[in-house]
C-alpha atoms as a PDB file:
ATOM      1  CA  MET A   1     -49.929 -12.891   3.576  1.00  0.00           C
ATOM      2  CA  LYS A   2     -48.226 -12.331   6.895  1.00  0.00           C
ATOM      3  CA  GLU A   3     -45.126 -14.303   5.979  1.00  0.00           C
ATOM      4  CA  LEU A   4     -43.541 -15.549   2.763  1.00  0.00           C
ATOM      5  CA  ALA A   5     -43.548 -19.152   4.007  1.00  0.00           C
ATOM      6  CA  LEU A   6     -47.346 -19.077   3.579  1.00  0.00           C
ATOM      7  CA  ASN A   7     -46.886 -17.999  -0.052  1.00  0.00           C
ATOM      8  CA  VAL A   8     -44.528 -20.943  -0.521  1.00  0.00           C
ATOM      9  CA  LEU A   9     -47.116 -23.272   1.009  1.00  0.00           C
ATOM     10  CA  ASP A  10     -49.790 -21.917  -1.352  1.00  0.00           C
ATOM     11  CA  LEU A  11     -47.530 -22.266  -4.414  1.00  0.00           C
ATOM     12  CA  ALA A  12     -46.546 -25.822  -3.503  1.00  0.00           C
ATOM     13  CA  GLN A  13     -50.186 -26.770  -2.889  1.00  0.00           C
ATOM     14  CA  ASN A  14     -50.962 -25.408  -6.372  1.00  0.00           C
ATOM     15  CA  SER A  15     -48.210 -27.684  -7.682  1.00  0.00           C
ATOM     16  CA  ILE A  16     -49.734 -30.693  -5.938  1.00  0.00           C
ATOM     17  CA  ALA A  17     -53.186 -29.821  -7.296  1.00  0.00           C
ATOM     18  CA  ALA A  18     -51.625 -29.670 -10.779  1.00  0.00           C
ATOM     19  CA  GLY A  19     -50.410 -33.271 -10.392  1.00  0.00           C
ATOM     20  CA  ALA A  20     -46.762 -32.533  -9.583  1.00  0.00           C
ATOM     21  CA  ARG A  21     -44.697 -35.466  -8.357  1.00  0.00           C
ATOM     22  CA  ARG A  22     -41.558 -33.326  -7.957  1.00  0.00           C
ATOM     23  CA  ILE A  23     -41.496 -29.910  -6.259  1.00  0.00           C
ATOM     24  CA  GLU A  24     -38.348 -27.861  -5.745  1.00  0.00           C
ATOM     25  CA  ILE A  25     -38.300 -24.912  -3.349  1.00  0.00           C
ATOM     26  CA  ASP A  26     -35.275 -22.637  -3.388  1.00  0.00           C
ATOM     27  CA  VAL A  27     -34.736 -19.751  -0.970  1.00  0.00           C
ATOM     28  CA  ALA A  28     -31.570 -17.700  -1.394  1.00  0.00           C
ATOM     29  CA  GLU A  29     -30.656 -14.662   0.661  1.00  0.00           C
ATOM     30  CA  SER A  30     -27.816 -12.340  -0.312  1.00  0.00           C
ATOM     31  CA  GLU A  31     -26.948  -9.399   1.905  1.00  0.00           C
ATOM     32  CA  ALA A  32     -24.340  -8.289  -0.653  1.00  0.00           C
ATOM     33  CA  GLU A  33     -27.033  -8.046  -3.350  1.00  0.00           C
ATOM     34  CA  ASN A  34     -29.741  -6.993  -0.867  1.00  0.00           C
ATOM     35  CA  THR A  35     -32.056  -9.765  -2.132  1.00  0.00           C
ATOM     36  CA  LEU A  36     -34.193 -12.617  -0.959  1.00  0.00           C
ATOM     37  CA  GLU A  37     -35.154 -14.889  -3.851  1.00  0.00           C
ATOM     38  CA  ILE A  38     -37.831 -17.554  -3.602  1.00  0.00           C
ATOM     39  CA  ALA A  39     -38.505 -20.052  -6.389  1.00  0.00           C
ATOM     40  CA  VAL A  40     -40.986 -22.929  -6.556  1.00  0.00           C
ATOM     41  CA  SER A  41     -40.677 -25.321  -9.515  1.00  0.00           C
ATOM     42  CA  ASP A  42     -42.711 -28.408 -10.327  1.00  0.00           C
ATOM     43  CA  ASP A  43     -43.279 -31.100 -12.942  1.00  0.00           C
ATOM     44  CA  GLY A  44     -47.074 -30.734 -12.837  1.00  0.00           C
ATOM     45  CA  ALA A  45     -49.559 -30.178 -15.621  1.00  0.00           C
ATOM     46  CA  GLY A  46     -48.226 -26.751 -16.561  1.00  0.00           C
ATOM     47  CA  MET A  47     -50.238 -24.071 -18.313  1.00  0.00           C
ATOM     48  CA  GLU A  48     -50.927 -22.878 -21.812  1.00  0.00           C
ATOM     49  CA  PRO A  49     -49.228 -19.521 -22.580  1.00  0.00           C
ATOM     50  CA  GLU A  50     -52.569 -17.707 -22.301  1.00  0.00           C
ATOM     51  CA  GLN A  51     -53.174 -19.148 -18.825  1.00  0.00           C
ATOM     52  CA  ALA A  52     -49.625 -18.388 -17.684  1.00  0.00           C
ATOM     53  CA  ALA A  53     -49.990 -14.762 -18.810  1.00  0.00           C
ATOM     54  CA  LEU A  54     -53.113 -14.368 -16.652  1.00  0.00           C
ATOM     55  CA  ALA A  55     -52.065 -16.535 -13.685  1.00  0.00           C
ATOM     56  CA  ALA A  56     -51.097 -13.605 -11.408  1.00  0.00           C
ATOM     57  CA  ASP A  57     -54.367 -11.767 -12.082  1.00  0.00           C
ATOM     58  CA  PRO A  58     -56.514 -12.048  -8.924  1.00  0.00           C
ATOM     59  CA  PHE A  59     -59.678 -12.376 -11.024  1.00  0.00           C
ATOM     60  CA  PHE A  60     -58.370 -15.350 -13.005  1.00  0.00           C
ATOM     61  CA  THR A  61     -58.475 -18.871 -11.627  1.00  0.00           C
ATOM     62  CA  THR A  62     -58.871 -22.360 -13.022  1.00  0.00           C
ATOM     63  CA  ARG A  63     -60.583 -23.510  -9.819  1.00  0.00           C
ATOM     64  CA  LYS A  64     -64.258 -24.290  -9.874  1.00  0.00           C
ATOM     65  CA  THR A  65     -64.727 -23.756  -6.124  1.00  0.00           C
ATOM     66  CA  ARG A  66     -64.197 -19.984  -6.138  1.00  0.00           C
ATOM     67  CA  ARG A  67     -64.000 -17.206  -8.692  1.00  0.00           C
ATOM     68  CA  VAL A  68     -60.778 -15.519  -7.603  1.00  0.00           C
ATOM     69  CA  GLY A  69     -57.195 -16.748  -7.191  1.00  0.00           C
ATOM     70  CA  LEU A  70     -55.224 -14.568  -4.805  1.00  0.00           C
ATOM     71  CA  GLY A  71     -52.090 -16.651  -4.122  1.00  0.00           C
ATOM     72  CA  LEU A  72     -49.978 -15.668  -7.124  1.00  0.00           C
ATOM     73  CA  ALA A  73     -51.386 -12.141  -7.173  1.00  0.00           C
ATOM     74  CA  LEU A  74     -50.374 -11.561  -3.540  1.00  0.00           C
ATOM     75  CA  PHE A  75     -46.923 -13.068  -4.073  1.00  0.00           C
ATOM     76  CA  LYS A  76     -46.370 -10.784  -7.077  1.00  0.00           C
ATOM     77  CA  GLN A  77     -47.646  -7.732  -5.202  1.00  0.00           C
ATOM     78  CA  GLU A  78     -45.436  -8.411  -2.180  1.00  0.00           C
ATOM     79  CA  ALA A  79     -42.350  -8.798  -4.380  1.00  0.00           C
ATOM     80  CA  GLU A  80     -43.045  -5.630  -6.359  1.00  0.00           C
ATOM     81  CA  GLN A  81     -43.910  -3.572  -3.261  1.00  0.00           C
ATOM     82  CA  SER A  82     -40.539  -4.488  -1.784  1.00  0.00           C
ATOM     83  CA  GLY A  83     -38.736  -3.261  -4.907  1.00  0.00           C
ATOM     84  CA  GLY A  84     -38.325  -6.741  -6.355  1.00  0.00           C
ATOM     85  CA  PHE A  85     -39.913  -8.650  -9.198  1.00  0.00           C
ATOM     86  CA  PHE A  86     -42.070 -11.680  -9.967  1.00  0.00           C
ATOM     87  CA  ARG A  87     -41.743 -14.196 -12.819  1.00  0.00           C
ATOM     88  CA  LEU A  88     -43.740 -17.220 -13.916  1.00  0.00           C
ATOM     89  CA  GLU A  89     -42.739 -19.710 -16.601  1.00  0.00           C
ATOM     90  CA  SER A  90     -44.932 -22.642 -17.501  1.00  0.00           C
ATOM     91  CA  GLU A  91     -45.215 -25.184 -20.256  1.00  0.00           C
ATOM     92  CA  LYS A  92     -48.264 -27.389 -20.723  1.00  0.00           C
ATOM     93  CA  GLY A  93     -47.387 -30.967 -19.766  1.00  0.00           C
ATOM     94  CA  ARG A  94     -43.948 -30.040 -18.390  1.00  0.00           C
ATOM     95  CA  GLY A  95     -44.522 -27.960 -15.264  1.00  0.00           C
ATOM     96  CA  THR A  96     -44.294 -24.483 -13.831  1.00  0.00           C
ATOM     97  CA  ARG A  97     -41.641 -22.306 -12.203  1.00  0.00           C
ATOM     98  CA  VAL A  98     -42.604 -19.291 -10.115  1.00  0.00           C
ATOM     99  CA  TRP A  99     -40.015 -17.039  -8.569  1.00  0.00           C
ATOM    100  CA  ALA A 100     -39.825 -13.690  -6.925  1.00  0.00           C
ATOM    101  CA  THR A 101     -37.069 -11.467  -5.681  1.00  0.00           C
ATOM    102  CA  PHE A 102     -37.541  -9.198  -2.673  1.00  0.00           C
ATOM    103  CA  ARG A 103     -35.306  -6.389  -1.435  1.00  0.00           C
ATOM    104  CA  LEU A 104     -34.004  -7.421   1.970  1.00  0.00           C
ATOM    105  CA  ASP A 105     -33.965  -3.892   3.353  1.00  0.00           C
ATOM    106  CA  SER A 106     -37.495  -3.022   2.245  1.00  0.00           C
ATOM    107  CA  ILE A 107     -39.929  -2.218   5.011  1.00  0.00           C
ATOM    108  CA  ASP A 108     -42.632  -3.676   2.729  1.00  0.00           C
ATOM    109  CA  ARG A 109     -41.027  -7.140   2.560  1.00  0.00           C
ATOM    110  CA  PRO A 110     -42.860  -9.682   4.701  1.00  0.00           C
ATOM    111  CA  PRO A 111     -40.598 -11.871   6.848  1.00  0.00           C
ATOM    112  CA  LEU A 112     -39.683 -15.299   5.485  1.00  0.00           C
ATOM    113  CA  GLY A 113     -41.525 -16.923   8.377  1.00  0.00           C
ATOM    114  CA  ASP A 114     -41.774 -20.518   9.511  1.00  0.00           C
ATOM    115  CA  MET A 115     -40.370 -22.642   6.702  1.00  0.00           C
ATOM    116  CA  ALA A 116     -40.092 -25.608   9.088  1.00  0.00           C
ATOM    117  CA  ALA A 117     -43.874 -25.688   9.602  1.00  0.00           C
ATOM    118  CA  THR A 118     -44.459 -25.094   5.883  1.00  0.00           C
ATOM    119  CA  LEU A 119     -42.321 -28.068   4.866  1.00  0.00           C
ATOM    120  CA  ALA A 120     -43.797 -30.350   7.518  1.00  0.00           C
ATOM    121  CA  ALA A 121     -47.307 -29.417   6.318  1.00  0.00           C
ATOM    122  CA  LEU A 122     -46.360 -30.084   2.686  1.00  0.00           C
ATOM    123  CA  VAL A 123     -44.866 -33.478   3.480  1.00  0.00           C
ATOM    124  CA  GLN A 124     -47.879 -34.419   5.601  1.00  0.00           C
ATOM    125  CA  GLY A 125     -50.276 -33.369   2.830  1.00  0.00           C
ATOM    126  CA  ALA A 126     -48.326 -34.987  -0.013  1.00  0.00           C
ATOM    127  CA  PRO A 127     -46.115 -37.696   1.519  1.00  0.00           C
ATOM    128  CA  ASP A 128     -45.480 -39.370  -1.840  1.00  0.00           C
ATOM    129  CA  ALA A 129     -44.277 -36.223  -3.637  1.00  0.00           C
ATOM    130  CA  ASP A 130     -40.547 -35.618  -4.015  1.00  0.00           C
ATOM    131  CA  ILE A 131     -40.043 -32.269  -2.315  1.00  0.00           C
ATOM    132  CA  THR A 132     -36.619 -30.654  -2.268  1.00  0.00           C
ATOM    133  CA  TYR A 133     -35.957 -27.572  -0.159  1.00  0.00           C
ATOM    134  CA  ARG A 134     -32.687 -25.724  -0.728  1.00  0.00           C
ATOM    135  CA  ARG A 135     -31.747 -22.765   1.469  1.00  0.00           C
ATOM    136  CA  LYS A 136     -28.737 -20.498   0.939  1.00  0.00           C
ATOM    137  CA  SER A 137     -27.486 -17.402   2.706  1.00  0.00           C
ATOM    138  CA  GLY A 138     -24.211 -15.756   3.575  1.00  0.00           C
ATOM    139  CA  GLY A 139     -24.081 -18.128   6.548  1.00  0.00           C
ATOM    140  CA  GLY A 140     -24.051 -21.256   4.375  1.00  0.00           C
ATOM    141  CA  SER A 141     -26.631 -23.590   2.947  1.00  0.00           C
ATOM    142  CA  PHE A 142     -28.548 -26.783   3.536  1.00  0.00           C
ATOM    143  CA  GLU A 143     -30.928 -29.059   1.659  1.00  0.00           C
ATOM    144  CA  LEU A 144     -33.822 -31.309   2.565  1.00  0.00           C
ATOM    145  CA  SER A 145     -34.890 -33.957   0.054  1.00  0.00           C
ATOM    146  CA  THR A 146     -37.875 -36.191   0.749  1.00  0.00           C
ATOM    147  CA  ALA A 147     -36.669 -38.642  -1.931  1.00  0.00           C
ATOM    148  CA  GLU A 148     -33.416 -39.006  -0.009  1.00  0.00           C
ATOM    149  CA  LEU A 149     -35.301 -39.312   3.296  1.00  0.00           C
ATOM    150  CA  ARG A 150     -37.473 -42.050   1.821  1.00  0.00           C
ATOM    151  CA  ARG A 151     -34.354 -44.014   0.796  1.00  0.00           C
ATOM    152  CA  GLU A 152     -32.784 -43.582   4.244  1.00  0.00           C
ATOM    153  CA  LEU A 153     -35.944 -44.577   6.119  1.00  0.00           C
ATOM    154  CA  GLY A 154     -36.701 -47.683   4.087  1.00  0.00           C
ATOM    155  CA  GLY A 155     -40.424 -48.295   4.393  1.00  0.00           C
ATOM    156  CA  VAL A 156     -41.221 -45.754   7.116  1.00  0.00           C
ATOM    157  CA  PRO A 157     -43.868 -43.345   5.784  1.00  0.00           C
ATOM    158  CA  LEU A 158     -42.862 -39.680   5.741  1.00  0.00           C
ATOM    159  CA  ALA A 159     -46.250 -38.695   7.182  1.00  0.00           C
ATOM    160  CA  GLU A 160     -45.437 -40.506  10.451  1.00  0.00           C
ATOM    161  CA  PRO A 161     -45.580 -37.971  13.320  1.00  0.00           C
ATOM    162  CA  GLU A 162     -42.017 -38.743  14.412  1.00  0.00           C
ATOM    163  CA  VAL A 163     -40.686 -38.174  10.883  1.00  0.00           C
ATOM    164  CA  LEU A 164     -42.638 -34.922  10.541  1.00  0.00           C
ATOM    165  CA  ARG A 165     -41.218 -33.717  13.871  1.00  0.00           C
ATOM    166  CA  TRP A 166     -37.709 -34.564  12.657  1.00  0.00           C
ATOM    167  CA  ILE A 167     -38.276 -32.650   9.380  1.00  0.00           C
ATOM    168  CA  SER A 168     -39.568 -29.624  11.259  1.00  0.00           C
ATOM    169  CA  ARG A 169     -36.695 -29.704  13.762  1.00  0.00           C
ATOM    170  CA  TYR A 170     -34.057 -30.212  11.019  1.00  0.00           C
ATOM    171  CA  VAL A 171     -35.305 -27.241   8.997  1.00  0.00           C
ATOM    172  CA  ALA A 172     -35.756 -25.000  12.066  1.00  0.00           C
ATOM    173  CA  GLU A 173     -32.270 -25.776  13.409  1.00  0.00           C
ATOM    174  CA  ASN A 174     -30.635 -25.126  10.037  1.00  0.00           C
ATOM    175  CA  GLU A 175     -32.627 -21.922   9.470  1.00  0.00           C
ATOM    176  CA  ALA A 176     -31.483 -20.717  12.915  1.00  0.00           C
ATOM    177  CA  ARG A 177     -27.869 -21.638  12.118  1.00  0.00           C
ATOM    178  CA  LEU A 178     -28.014 -19.663   8.866  1.00  0.00           C
ATOM    179  CA  SER A 179     -29.553 -16.650  10.580  1.00  0.00           C
ATOM    180  CA  ARG A 180     -26.696 -16.674  13.098  1.00  0.00           C
ATOM    181  CA  GLY A 181     -24.267 -16.603  10.147  1.00  0.00           C
ATOM    182  CA  ARG A 182     -22.544 -19.883  10.857  1.00  0.00           C
ATOM    183  CA  GLY A 183     -21.370 -22.083   8.048  1.00  0.00           C
ATOM    184  CA  PRO A 184     -22.108 -25.796   7.636  1.00  0.00           C
ATOM    185  CA  GLY A 185     -20.905 -27.916  10.520  1.00  0.00           C
ATOM    186  CA  GLU A 186     -20.195 -24.961  12.812  1.00  0.00           C
ATOM    187  CA  SER A 187     -21.873 -24.802  16.198  1.00  0.00           C
END
């Protein structure tokens, strides 16, 4: 994929398809450790150990609509090509956690990409899911929680265009702040 945000979108859509009500997305960047770590966890259906062992194989899929499943395979390949690693843990009935570590300085590491658009698309597609996005870097951190947004907004649906624009703007502004190396509350 051209950017890692698209991998995150694919992983989270897999979570939704597996019946997840809670999805956690963590992105942590450490220049000191030369790593970018991405983790997507859910409380969906989970997988049997045999399925989990094959999940990153491009010729294995549980879908009936096509015979290959490239999302996890590409994510794993991108991590390993950048000198990082890929892990998947899953338990039937309890959920799945997928994470990968990428070397920041690797020429083979795709850029993180547009996480603001990814999160807005996820919320629009699954407005009732509790999605938490946590982002950390040397410049600070921030969090977006749709459960918290729902409480703050009362009965306003998260899929409302104005709310989606706010989510996108909030994530984009905070991503830009982190990339400039400013801590929380600094302008």
